[in-house]
């Protein structure tokens, strides 16, 4: 019996199918990661969701899929919802305040105002106050502009129910989201002034750049020292920074970066990464400080992570 040969220019049909599935998945990967990350606040968990999405996508008959983007978003949303409920139980036992996992983002993310706001530390904390389904509906509708029919299929609800959930979530977020938008120049000016104040350790310089009602949140994950509860008010925050700077002195160095589409500083002690300090600017002053020291959350602050809508 003669051996059957195949033309190397024409791979088997299964190979074609795998290549097509891979191409579609890679074409939408950044979008899918962003959906999962905005639902979970964790890059590590978002990557796990993408792995699960790929495994399910690889088994789909592509001939039955009319809109590959919508189908992939549906799979990702369902996996993220399942993961979100698990995360909720994990956060209950988290040591100290919980902050989202920070991402080093490209400069062009800040140019997309809606995307930058949606991945900001402040907005992700607002999204934490929503229930899992509300969070999914809000993200898919308000950030990614999916139709109610697509969202309904993704979350397993009727369109009427999704419309009600979207309205409720929109109102909830509107009452808690950061106030207004700030120009890039205003943001950079505030960050530079804050960096100079921190580097000099001058109490008055810190007071001059901090908003009267500034809030500091810190996440050490039980591994690194962190303030156990929010610190509110310019005087308290400035004195806390001044006291900390007295301890570290010349060992500290600061590097301005863009974290989650907004201004931030990488803080190093003796050259070793100690944490990331993301800031929120309002009216030219620092209104929010988000200091992440938990080592498990710092793997994405020295290499860019692509996010997209």
C-alpha atoms as a PDB file:
ATOM      1  CA  UNK A   1       0.000   0.000   0.000  1.00  0.00           C
ATOM      2  CA  UNK A   2       1.458   3.326  -1.025  1.00  0.00           C
ATOM      3  CA  UNK A   3       1.889   6.106   1.565  1.00  0.00           C
ATOM      4  CA  UNK A   4      -0.539   9.022   1.132  1.00  0.00           C
ATOM      5  CA  UNK A   5       1.103  12.425   0.744  1.00  0.00           C
ATOM      6  CA  UNK A   6      -0.305  15.926   1.246  1.00  0.00           C
ATOM      7  CA  UNK A   7       0.592  19.224  -0.333  1.00  0.00           C
ATOM      8  CA  UNK A   8       2.476  21.254   2.331  1.00  0.00           C
ATOM      9  CA  UNK A   9       0.889  24.422   0.913  1.00  0.00           C
ATOM     10  CA  UNK A  10      -2.538  23.093   1.889  1.00  0.00           C
ATOM     11  CA  UNK A  11      -2.570  22.179   5.609  1.00  0.00           C
ATOM     12  CA  UNK A  12      -5.299  19.873   6.911  1.00  0.00           C
ATOM     13  CA  UNK A  13      -8.719  21.366   7.593  1.00  0.00           C
ATOM     14  CA  UNK A  14      -8.184  21.016  11.337  1.00  0.00           C
ATOM     15  CA  UNK A  15      -5.075  23.155  10.985  1.00  0.00           C
ATOM     16  CA  UNK A  16      -7.048  25.787   9.103  1.00  0.00           C
ATOM     17  CA  UNK A  17      -9.642  25.800  11.836  1.00  0.00           C
ATOM     18  CA  UNK A  18      -7.011  26.156  14.571  1.00  0.00           C
ATOM     19  CA  UNK A  19      -5.269  28.985  12.731  1.00  0.00           C
ATOM     20  CA  UNK A  20      -8.543  30.848  12.216  1.00  0.00           C
ATOM     21  CA  UNK A  21      -9.496  30.460  15.864  1.00  0.00           C
ATOM     22  CA  UNK A  22      -6.052  31.634  16.972  1.00  0.00           C
ATOM     23  CA  UNK A  23      -6.111  34.650  14.655  1.00  0.00           C
ATOM     24  CA  UNK A  24      -9.547  35.708  15.898  1.00  0.00           C
ATOM     25  CA  UNK A  25      -8.556  35.278  19.531  1.00  0.00           C
ATOM     26  CA  UNK A  26      -5.298  37.224  19.129  1.00  0.00           C
ATOM     27  CA  UNK A  27      -7.070  39.993  17.192  1.00  0.00           C
ATOM     28  CA  UNK A  28      -9.347  40.607  20.176  1.00  0.00           C
ATOM     29  CA  UNK A  29      -7.012  39.595  23.003  1.00  0.00           C
ATOM     30  CA  UNK A  30      -6.321  43.096  24.351  1.00  0.00           C
ATOM     31  CA  UNK A  31     -10.045  43.856  24.389  1.00  0.00           C
ATOM     32  CA  UNK A  32     -10.824  40.583  26.169  1.00  0.00           C
ATOM     33  CA  UNK A  33      -8.101  41.199  28.745  1.00  0.00           C
ATOM     34  CA  UNK A  34      -9.501  44.682  29.418  1.00  0.00           C
ATOM     35  CA  UNK A  35     -13.041  43.320  29.866  1.00  0.00           C
ATOM     36  CA  UNK A  36     -11.796  40.707  32.340  1.00  0.00           C
ATOM     37  CA  UNK A  37      -9.510  43.150  34.163  1.00  0.00           C
ATOM     38  CA  UNK A  38     -12.241  45.775  34.597  1.00  0.00           C
ATOM     39  CA  UNK A  39     -14.533  43.108  36.011  1.00  0.00           C
ATOM     40  CA  UNK A  40     -11.918  41.624  38.342  1.00  0.00           C
ATOM     41  CA  UNK A  41      -9.384  44.343  39.191  1.00  0.00           C
ATOM     42  CA  UNK A  42      -6.666  41.714  38.935  1.00  0.00           C
ATOM     43  CA  UNK A  43      -4.358  41.169  35.967  1.00  0.00           C
ATOM     44  CA  UNK A  44      -3.416  37.699  37.168  1.00  0.00           C
ATOM     45  CA  UNK A  45      -7.055  36.628  37.357  1.00  0.00           C
ATOM     46  CA  UNK A  46      -7.788  38.313  34.024  1.00  0.00           C
ATOM     47  CA  UNK A  47      -5.039  36.234  32.409  1.00  0.00           C
ATOM     48  CA  UNK A  48      -6.549  33.074  33.913  1.00  0.00           C
ATOM     49  CA  UNK A  49      -9.909  34.067  32.442  1.00  0.00           C
ATOM     50  CA  UNK A  50      -8.285  34.498  29.025  1.00  0.00           C
ATOM     51  CA  UNK A  51      -6.813  31.000  29.263  1.00  0.00           C
ATOM     52  CA  UNK A  52     -10.254  29.605  30.045  1.00  0.00           C
ATOM     53  CA  UNK A  53     -11.773  31.668  27.233  1.00  0.00           C
ATOM     54  CA  UNK A  54      -9.262  30.277  24.746  1.00  0.00           C
ATOM     55  CA  UNK A  55      -9.953  26.672  25.778  1.00  0.00           C
ATOM     56  CA  UNK A  56     -13.673  27.154  25.180  1.00  0.00           C
ATOM     57  CA  UNK A  57     -13.168  29.170  21.999  1.00  0.00           C
ATOM     58  CA  UNK A  58     -10.916  26.462  20.548  1.00  0.00           C
ATOM     59  CA  UNK A  59     -13.834  24.021  20.711  1.00  0.00           C
ATOM     60  CA  UNK A  60     -16.379  26.279  18.993  1.00  0.00           C
ATOM     61  CA  UNK A  61     -17.552  25.612  15.437  1.00  0.00           C
ATOM     62  CA  UNK A  62     -16.553  28.923  13.826  1.00  0.00           C
ATOM     63  CA  UNK A  63     -19.034  28.349  11.009  1.00  0.00           C
ATOM     64  CA  UNK A  64     -21.864  28.954  13.482  1.00  0.00           C
ATOM     65  CA  UNK A  65     -20.426  32.236  14.829  1.00  0.00           C
ATOM     66  CA  UNK A  66     -21.836  35.389  13.222  1.00  0.00           C
ATOM     67  CA  UNK A  67     -19.873  37.922  15.308  1.00  0.00           C
ATOM     68  CA  UNK A  68     -16.561  36.615  16.637  1.00  0.00           C
ATOM     69  CA  UNK A  69     -15.906  39.674  18.834  1.00  0.00           C
ATOM     70  CA  UNK A  70     -19.291  39.412  20.541  1.00  0.00           C
ATOM     71  CA  UNK A  71     -18.941  35.656  20.990  1.00  0.00           C
ATOM     72  CA  UNK A  72     -15.482  35.986  22.551  1.00  0.00           C
ATOM     73  CA  UNK A  73     -16.696  38.764  24.855  1.00  0.00           C
ATOM     74  CA  UNK A  74     -19.590  36.523  25.915  1.00  0.00           C
ATOM     75  CA  UNK A  75     -17.241  33.677  26.843  1.00  0.00           C
ATOM     76  CA  UNK A  76     -14.894  36.049  28.666  1.00  0.00           C
ATOM     77  CA  UNK A  77     -17.740  37.664  30.590  1.00  0.00           C
ATOM     78  CA  UNK A  78     -19.121  34.335  31.760  1.00  0.00           C
ATOM     79  CA  UNK A  79     -15.704  33.154  32.911  1.00  0.00           C
ATOM     80  CA  UNK A  80     -15.020  36.485  34.616  1.00  0.00           C
ATOM     81  CA  UNK A  81     -18.374  36.377  36.430  1.00  0.00           C
ATOM     82  CA  UNK A  82     -17.550  32.950  37.801  1.00  0.00           C
ATOM     83  CA  UNK A  83     -14.095  34.141  38.848  1.00  0.00           C
ATOM     84  CA  UNK A  84     -15.528  37.345  40.360  1.00  0.00           C
ATOM     85  CA  UNK A  85     -17.718  35.394  42.762  1.00  0.00           C
ATOM     86  CA  UNK A  86     -14.686  33.393  43.874  1.00  0.00           C
ATOM     87  CA  UNK A  87     -12.649  36.583  44.264  1.00  0.00           C
ATOM     88  CA  UNK A  88     -15.348  38.037  46.490  1.00  0.00           C
ATOM     89  CA  UNK A  89     -14.814  35.224  48.968  1.00  0.00           C
ATOM     90  CA  UNK A  90     -11.019  35.679  48.800  1.00  0.00           C
ATOM     91  CA  UNK A  91     -11.261  39.417  49.462  1.00  0.00           C
ATOM     92  CA  UNK A  92     -13.222  38.765  52.643  1.00  0.00           C
ATOM     93  CA  UNK A  93     -10.090  37.191  54.140  1.00  0.00           C
ATOM     94  CA  UNK A  94      -7.645  39.700  52.602  1.00  0.00           C
ATOM     95  CA  UNK A  95      -5.347  41.292  55.171  1.00  0.00           C
ATOM     96  CA  UNK A  96      -5.775  45.062  55.229  1.00  0.00           C
ATOM     97  CA  UNK A  97      -7.280  47.310  52.535  1.00  0.00           C
ATOM     98  CA  UNK A  98      -7.592  45.819  49.033  1.00  0.00           C
ATOM     99  CA  UNK A  99      -6.556  47.816  45.970  1.00  0.00           C
ATOM    100  CA  UNK A 100      -6.695  46.753  42.291  1.00  0.00           C
ATOM    101  CA  UNK A 101      -3.560  45.310  40.727  1.00  0.00           C
ATOM    102  CA  UNK A 102      -1.812  48.264  39.028  1.00  0.00           C
ATOM    103  CA  UNK A 103      -0.847  48.156  35.348  1.00  0.00           C
ATOM    104  CA  UNK A 104       1.853  50.135  33.560  1.00  0.00           C
ATOM    105  CA  UNK A 105       0.004  51.484  30.521  1.00  0.00           C
ATOM    106  CA  UNK A 106       1.124  53.146  27.289  1.00  0.00           C
ATOM    107  CA  UNK A 107       0.850  56.947  26.904  1.00  0.00           C
ATOM    108  CA  UNK A 108      -1.909  56.600  24.297  1.00  0.00           C
ATOM    109  CA  UNK A 109      -4.262  55.091  26.896  1.00  0.00           C
ATOM    110  CA  UNK A 110      -4.526  58.481  28.609  1.00  0.00           C
ATOM    111  CA  UNK A 111      -5.580  60.011  25.271  1.00  0.00           C
ATOM    112  CA  UNK A 112      -8.717  57.836  25.267  1.00  0.00           C
ATOM    113  CA  UNK A 113     -10.435  59.606  28.158  1.00  0.00           C
ATOM    114  CA  UNK A 114     -13.216  57.035  28.574  1.00  0.00           C
ATOM    115  CA  UNK A 115     -10.822  54.075  28.522  1.00  0.00           C
ATOM    116  CA  UNK A 116      -8.406  55.779  30.925  1.00  0.00           C
ATOM    117  CA  UNK A 117     -11.207  56.535  33.382  1.00  0.00           C
ATOM    118  CA  UNK A 118     -12.604  53.007  33.148  1.00  0.00           C
ATOM    119  CA  UNK A 119      -9.284  51.369  34.117  1.00  0.00           C
ATOM    120  CA  UNK A 120      -8.278  54.020  36.672  1.00  0.00           C
ATOM    121  CA  UNK A 121      -7.697  52.925  40.244  1.00  0.00           C
ATOM    122  CA  UNK A 122     -10.492  55.239  41.394  1.00  0.00           C
ATOM    123  CA  UNK A 123     -13.058  53.789  38.975  1.00  0.00           C
ATOM    124  CA  UNK A 124     -12.069  50.197  39.687  1.00  0.00           C
ATOM    125  CA  UNK A 125     -12.695  50.870  43.376  1.00  0.00           C
ATOM    126  CA  UNK A 126     -16.130  52.263  42.499  1.00  0.00           C
ATOM    127  CA  UNK A 127     -16.849  49.119  40.460  1.00  0.00           C
ATOM    128  CA  UNK A 128     -15.966  47.058  43.546  1.00  0.00           C
ATOM    129  CA  UNK A 129     -19.133  48.413  45.166  1.00  0.00           C
ATOM    130  CA  UNK A 130     -21.321  46.789  42.491  1.00  0.00           C
ATOM    131  CA  UNK A 131     -22.595  43.228  42.556  1.00  0.00           C
ATOM    132  CA  UNK A 132     -21.031  40.818  40.003  1.00  0.00           C
ATOM    133  CA  UNK A 133     -23.843  41.018  37.432  1.00  0.00           C
ATOM    134  CA  UNK A 134     -24.199  44.790  37.844  1.00  0.00           C
ATOM    135  CA  UNK A 135     -20.469  45.192  37.317  1.00  0.00           C
ATOM    136  CA  UNK A 136     -20.502  43.056  34.175  1.00  0.00           C
ATOM    137  CA  UNK A 137     -23.485  44.917  32.711  1.00  0.00           C
ATOM    138  CA  UNK A 138     -21.999  48.334  33.491  1.00  0.00           C
ATOM    139  CA  UNK A 139     -18.599  47.474  31.986  1.00  0.00           C
ATOM    140  CA  UNK A 140     -20.040  45.924  28.829  1.00  0.00           C
ATOM    141  CA  UNK A 141     -22.540  48.723  28.246  1.00  0.00           C
ATOM    142  CA  UNK A 142     -20.793  51.887  29.411  1.00  0.00           C
ATOM    143  CA  UNK A 143     -17.195  51.057  28.506  1.00  0.00           C
ATOM    144  CA  UNK A 144     -17.478  48.716  25.532  1.00  0.00           C
ATOM    145  CA  UNK A 145     -20.847  49.879  24.183  1.00  0.00           C
ATOM    146  CA  UNK A 146     -22.279  46.396  23.658  1.00  0.00           C
ATOM    147  CA  UNK A 147     -25.929  46.095  22.724  1.00  0.00           C
ATOM    148  CA  UNK A 148     -28.431  44.999  25.345  1.00  0.00           C
ATOM    149  CA  UNK A 149     -29.076  41.806  23.385  1.00  0.00           C
ATOM    150  CA  UNK A 150     -25.372  40.870  23.480  1.00  0.00           C
ATOM    151  CA  UNK A 151     -25.104  41.704  27.182  1.00  0.00           C
ATOM    152  CA  UNK A 152     -28.235  39.712  27.971  1.00  0.00           C
ATOM    153  CA  UNK A 153     -26.725  36.631  26.348  1.00  0.00           C
ATOM    154  CA  UNK A 154     -23.410  37.146  28.128  1.00  0.00           C
ATOM    155  CA  UNK A 155     -24.888  37.446  31.631  1.00  0.00           C
ATOM    156  CA  UNK A 156     -27.823  35.072  31.182  1.00  0.00           C
ATOM    157  CA  UNK A 157     -30.594  37.642  31.709  1.00  0.00           C
ATOM    158  CA  UNK A 158     -33.436  38.993  29.610  1.00  0.00           C
ATOM    159  CA  UNK A 159     -32.922  42.272  27.744  1.00  0.00           C
ATOM    160  CA  UNK A 160     -35.527  43.935  29.957  1.00  0.00           C
ATOM    161  CA  UNK A 161     -33.670  42.817  33.070  1.00  0.00           C
ATOM    162  CA  UNK A 162     -30.356  43.991  31.645  1.00  0.00           C
ATOM    163  CA  UNK A 163     -31.787  47.442  30.925  1.00  0.00           C
ATOM    164  CA  UNK A 164     -32.943  47.737  34.535  1.00  0.00           C
ATOM    165  CA  UNK A 165     -29.588  46.511  35.857  1.00  0.00           C
ATOM    166  CA  UNK A 166     -27.734  48.959  33.591  1.00  0.00           C
ATOM    167  CA  UNK A 167     -29.860  51.879  34.814  1.00  0.00           C
ATOM    168  CA  UNK A 168     -29.317  50.914  38.457  1.00  0.00           C
ATOM    169  CA  UNK A 169     -25.566  50.414  37.991  1.00  0.00           C
ATOM    170  CA  UNK A 170     -25.215  53.695  36.071  1.00  0.00           C
ATOM    171  CA  UNK A 171     -26.907  55.625  38.868  1.00  0.00           C
ATOM    172  CA  UNK A 172     -24.800  53.868  41.506  1.00  0.00           C
ATOM    173  CA  UNK A 173     -21.532  54.672  39.708  1.00  0.00           C
ATOM    174  CA  UNK A 174     -22.547  58.252  38.898  1.00  0.00           C
ATOM    175  CA  UNK A 175     -22.994  58.980  42.605  1.00  0.00           C
ATOM    176  CA  UNK A 176     -19.511  57.680  43.431  1.00  0.00           C
ATOM    177  CA  UNK A 177     -17.279  58.270  40.403  1.00  0.00           C
ATOM    178  CA  UNK A 178     -14.481  60.891  40.486  1.00  0.00           C
ATOM    179  CA  UNK A 179     -15.590  64.422  39.622  1.00  0.00           C
ATOM    180  CA  UNK A 180     -14.817  65.792  36.159  1.00  0.00           C
ATOM    181  CA  UNK A 181     -11.879  65.303  33.800  1.00  0.00           C
ATOM    182  CA  UNK A 182      -8.447  66.878  34.085  1.00  0.00           C
ATOM    183  CA  UNK A 183      -6.157  67.967  31.246  1.00  0.00           C
ATOM    184  CA  UNK A 184      -2.892  66.123  30.671  1.00  0.00           C
ATOM    185  CA  UNK A 185      -0.898  69.300  31.411  1.00  0.00           C
ATOM    186  CA  UNK A 186      -2.742  69.833  34.699  1.00  0.00           C
ATOM    187  CA  UNK A 187      -2.198  66.202  35.676  1.00  0.00           C
ATOM    188  CA  UNK A 188       1.518  66.258  34.891  1.00  0.00           C
ATOM    189  CA  UNK A 189       1.976  69.555  36.694  1.00  0.00           C
ATOM    190  CA  UNK A 190       0.349  68.172  39.843  1.00  0.00           C
ATOM    191  CA  UNK A 191       2.401  64.970  39.692  1.00  0.00           C
ATOM    192  CA  UNK A 192       5.667  66.895  39.287  1.00  0.00           C
ATOM    193  CA  UNK A 193       4.822  69.188  42.195  1.00  0.00           C
ATOM    194  CA  UNK A 194       3.909  66.189  44.345  1.00  0.00           C
ATOM    195  CA  UNK A 195       7.114  64.357  43.394  1.00  0.00           C
ATOM    196  CA  UNK A 196       9.235  67.391  44.327  1.00  0.00           C
ATOM    197  CA  UNK A 197       7.413  67.703  47.635  1.00  0.00           C
ATOM    198  CA  UNK A 198       7.948  64.023  48.456  1.00  0.00           C
ATOM    199  CA  UNK A 199      11.620  64.126  47.462  1.00  0.00           C
ATOM    200  CA  UNK A 200      12.329  67.194  49.595  1.00  0.00           C
ATOM    201  CA  UNK A 201      10.125  66.033  52.441  1.00  0.00           C
ATOM    202  CA  UNK A 202       8.945  69.581  53.080  1.00  0.00           C
ATOM    203  CA  UNK A 203       5.660  69.479  54.959  1.00  0.00           C
ATOM    204  CA  UNK A 204       4.408  72.786  53.553  1.00  0.00           C
ATOM    205  CA  UNK A 205       5.143  71.712  49.969  1.00  0.00           C
ATOM    206  CA  UNK A 206       3.070  68.581  50.538  1.00  0.00           C
ATOM    207  CA  UNK A 207       0.242  70.595  52.057  1.00  0.00           C
ATOM    208  CA  UNK A 208       0.297  72.956  49.072  1.00  0.00           C
ATOM    209  CA  UNK A 209      -0.328  70.201  46.511  1.00  0.00           C
ATOM    210  CA  UNK A 210      -2.735  67.986  48.511  1.00  0.00           C
ATOM    211  CA  UNK A 211      -6.462  68.696  48.256  1.00  0.00           C
ATOM    212  CA  UNK A 212      -8.059  69.467  51.656  1.00  0.00           C
ATOM    213  CA  UNK A 213     -10.088  66.227  51.531  1.00  0.00           C
ATOM    214  CA  UNK A 214      -7.366  64.032  49.959  1.00  0.00           C
ATOM    215  CA  UNK A 215      -7.700  60.304  50.683  1.00  0.00           C
ATOM    216  CA  UNK A 216      -4.764  57.867  50.980  1.00  0.00           C
ATOM    217  CA  UNK A 217      -5.347  54.123  50.574  1.00  0.00           C
ATOM    218  CA  UNK A 218      -2.553  51.589  51.007  1.00  0.00           C
ATOM    219  CA  UNK A 219      -2.372  47.865  50.181  1.00  0.00           C
ATOM    220  CA  UNK A 220       0.375  45.705  51.643  1.00  0.00           C
ATOM    221  CA  UNK A 221      -1.477  42.408  51.421  1.00  0.00           C
ATOM    222  CA  UNK A 222      -0.271  41.442  54.895  1.00  0.00           C
ATOM    223  CA  UNK A 223       3.270  41.149  53.489  1.00  0.00           C
ATOM    224  CA  UNK A 224       4.375  44.798  53.549  1.00  0.00           C
ATOM    225  CA  UNK A 225       3.462  47.464  56.073  1.00  0.00           C
ATOM    226  CA  UNK A 226       0.469  49.568  55.026  1.00  0.00           C
ATOM    227  CA  UNK A 227      -1.970  51.924  56.704  1.00  0.00           C
ATOM    228  CA  UNK A 228      -4.833  49.737  57.973  1.00  0.00           C
ATOM    229  CA  UNK A 229      -7.608  52.170  56.977  1.00  0.00           C
ATOM    230  CA  UNK A 230      -8.072  55.198  54.722  1.00  0.00           C
ATOM    231  CA  UNK A 231      -6.243  58.360  55.809  1.00  0.00           C
ATOM    232  CA  UNK A 232      -8.337  61.459  55.060  1.00  0.00           C
ATOM    233  CA  UNK A 233      -7.262  65.097  55.023  1.00  0.00           C
ATOM    234  CA  UNK A 234      -4.244  67.013  53.767  1.00  0.00           C
ATOM    235  CA  UNK A 235      -2.661  67.515  57.187  1.00  0.00           C
ATOM    236  CA  UNK A 236      -2.853  63.825  58.185  1.00  0.00           C
ATOM    237  CA  UNK A 237      -1.613  62.587  54.790  1.00  0.00           C
ATOM    238  CA  UNK A 238       1.228  65.138  54.623  1.00  0.00           C
ATOM    239  CA  UNK A 239       2.440  64.278  58.121  1.00  0.00           C
ATOM    240  CA  UNK A 240       2.284  60.566  57.361  1.00  0.00           C
ATOM    241  CA  UNK A 241       4.446  61.071  54.259  1.00  0.00           C
ATOM    242  CA  UNK A 242       6.873  63.336  56.092  1.00  0.00           C
ATOM    243  CA  UNK A 243       7.300  60.755  58.873  1.00  0.00           C
ATOM    244  CA  UNK A 244       7.893  57.980  56.351  1.00  0.00           C
ATOM    245  CA  UNK A 245      10.424  60.032  54.423  1.00  0.00           C
ATOM    246  CA  UNK A 246      12.393  60.671  57.606  1.00  0.00           C
ATOM    247  CA  UNK A 247      12.873  56.902  57.895  1.00  0.00           C
ATOM    248  CA  UNK A 248      13.931  56.066  54.317  1.00  0.00           C
ATOM    249  CA  UNK A 249      15.866  59.233  53.455  1.00  0.00           C
ATOM    250  CA  UNK A 250      18.349  58.942  50.598  1.00  0.00           C
ATOM    251  CA  UNK A 251      17.515  55.267  50.050  1.00  0.00           C
ATOM    252  CA  UNK A 252      14.332  56.290  48.209  1.00  0.00           C
ATOM    253  CA  UNK A 253      14.011  57.136  44.525  1.00  0.00           C
ATOM    254  CA  UNK A 254      10.895  58.033  42.536  1.00  0.00           C
ATOM    255  CA  UNK A 255      10.116  57.441  38.854  1.00  0.00           C
ATOM    256  CA  UNK A 256       7.095  59.063  37.172  1.00  0.00           C
ATOM    257  CA  UNK A 257       5.077  56.557  35.134  1.00  0.00           C
ATOM    258  CA  UNK A 258       1.570  56.066  33.809  1.00  0.00           C
ATOM    259  CA  UNK A 259      -0.404  53.520  35.805  1.00  0.00           C
ATOM    260  CA  UNK A 260      -3.911  52.502  34.725  1.00  0.00           C
ATOM    261  CA  UNK A 261      -4.066  55.411  32.306  1.00  0.00           C
ATOM    262  CA  UNK A 262      -3.166  57.998  34.933  1.00  0.00           C
ATOM    263  CA  UNK A 263      -0.195  59.579  36.744  1.00  0.00           C
ATOM    264  CA  UNK A 264       1.819  57.582  39.242  1.00  0.00           C
ATOM    265  CA  UNK A 265       5.224  57.157  40.839  1.00  0.00           C
ATOM    266  CA  UNK A 266       7.279  53.988  41.149  1.00  0.00           C
ATOM    267  CA  UNK A 267       8.998  54.032  44.529  1.00  0.00           C
ATOM    268  CA  UNK A 268      12.299  52.221  44.979  1.00  0.00           C
ATOM    269  CA  UNK A 269      14.352  51.704  48.123  1.00  0.00           C
ATOM    270  CA  UNK A 270      18.050  51.061  47.522  1.00  0.00           C
ATOM    271  CA  UNK A 271      17.179  50.375  43.893  1.00  0.00           C
ATOM    272  CA  UNK A 272      14.587  47.687  44.678  1.00  0.00           C
ATOM    273  CA  UNK A 273      10.941  48.242  43.752  1.00  0.00           C
ATOM    274  CA  UNK A 274       8.981  48.909  46.941  1.00  0.00           C
ATOM    275  CA  UNK A 275       5.615  49.963  45.557  1.00  0.00           C
ATOM    276  CA  UNK A 276       3.596  52.069  43.161  1.00  0.00           C
ATOM    277  CA  UNK A 277       1.791  55.244  44.161  1.00  0.00           C
ATOM    278  CA  UNK A 278      -1.027  56.140  41.757  1.00  0.00           C
ATOM    279  CA  UNK A 279      -2.570  59.585  42.129  1.00  0.00           C
ATOM    280  CA  UNK A 280      -5.915  61.150  41.259  1.00  0.00           C
ATOM    281  CA  UNK A 281      -5.887  64.825  40.343  1.00  0.00           C
ATOM    282  CA  UNK A 282      -8.799  67.231  40.748  1.00  0.00           C
ATOM    283  CA  UNK A 283      -8.589  71.003  40.157  1.00  0.00           C
ATOM    284  CA  UNK A 284      -4.808  70.830  39.929  1.00  0.00           C
ATOM    285  CA  UNK A 285      -4.376  69.144  43.313  1.00  0.00           C
ATOM    286  CA  UNK A 286      -3.840  65.580  44.494  1.00  0.00           C
ATOM    287  CA  UNK A 287      -7.244  64.297  45.626  1.00  0.00           C
ATOM    288  CA  UNK A 288      -6.529  60.558  45.827  1.00  0.00           C
ATOM    289  CA  UNK A 289      -3.451  58.439  46.569  1.00  0.00           C
ATOM    290  CA  UNK A 290      -3.382  54.683  45.986  1.00  0.00           C
ATOM    291  CA  UNK A 291      -0.224  53.055  47.343  1.00  0.00           C
ATOM    292  CA  UNK A 292       0.221  49.382  46.382  1.00  0.00           C
ATOM    293  CA  UNK A 293       3.077  47.585  48.173  1.00  0.00           C
ATOM    294  CA  UNK A 294       1.845  43.987  48.027  1.00  0.00           C
ATOM    295  CA  UNK A 295       4.651  42.251  46.047  1.00  0.00           C
ATOM    296  CA  UNK A 296       2.151  39.904  44.399  1.00  0.00           C
ATOM    297  CA  UNK A 297       0.520  42.918  42.719  1.00  0.00           C
ATOM    298  CA  UNK A 298       3.671  44.554  41.327  1.00  0.00           C
ATOM    299  CA  UNK A 299       4.520  42.294  38.381  1.00  0.00           C
ATOM    300  CA  UNK A 300       2.777  44.605  35.867  1.00  0.00           C
ATOM    301  CA  UNK A 301       4.312  47.976  36.792  1.00  0.00           C
ATOM    302  CA  UNK A 302       7.671  47.718  35.016  1.00  0.00           C
ATOM    303  CA  UNK A 303       6.450  46.404  31.652  1.00  0.00           C
ATOM    304  CA  UNK A 304       3.527  47.775  29.670  1.00  0.00           C
ATOM    305  CA  UNK A 305       0.204  45.968  29.561  1.00  0.00           C
ATOM    306  CA  UNK A 306      -1.960  46.643  26.500  1.00  0.00           C
ATOM    307  CA  UNK A 307      -5.556  47.625  27.207  1.00  0.00           C
ATOM    308  CA  UNK A 308      -8.135  48.577  24.585  1.00  0.00           C
ATOM    309  CA  UNK A 309     -11.821  49.024  23.852  1.00  0.00           C
END
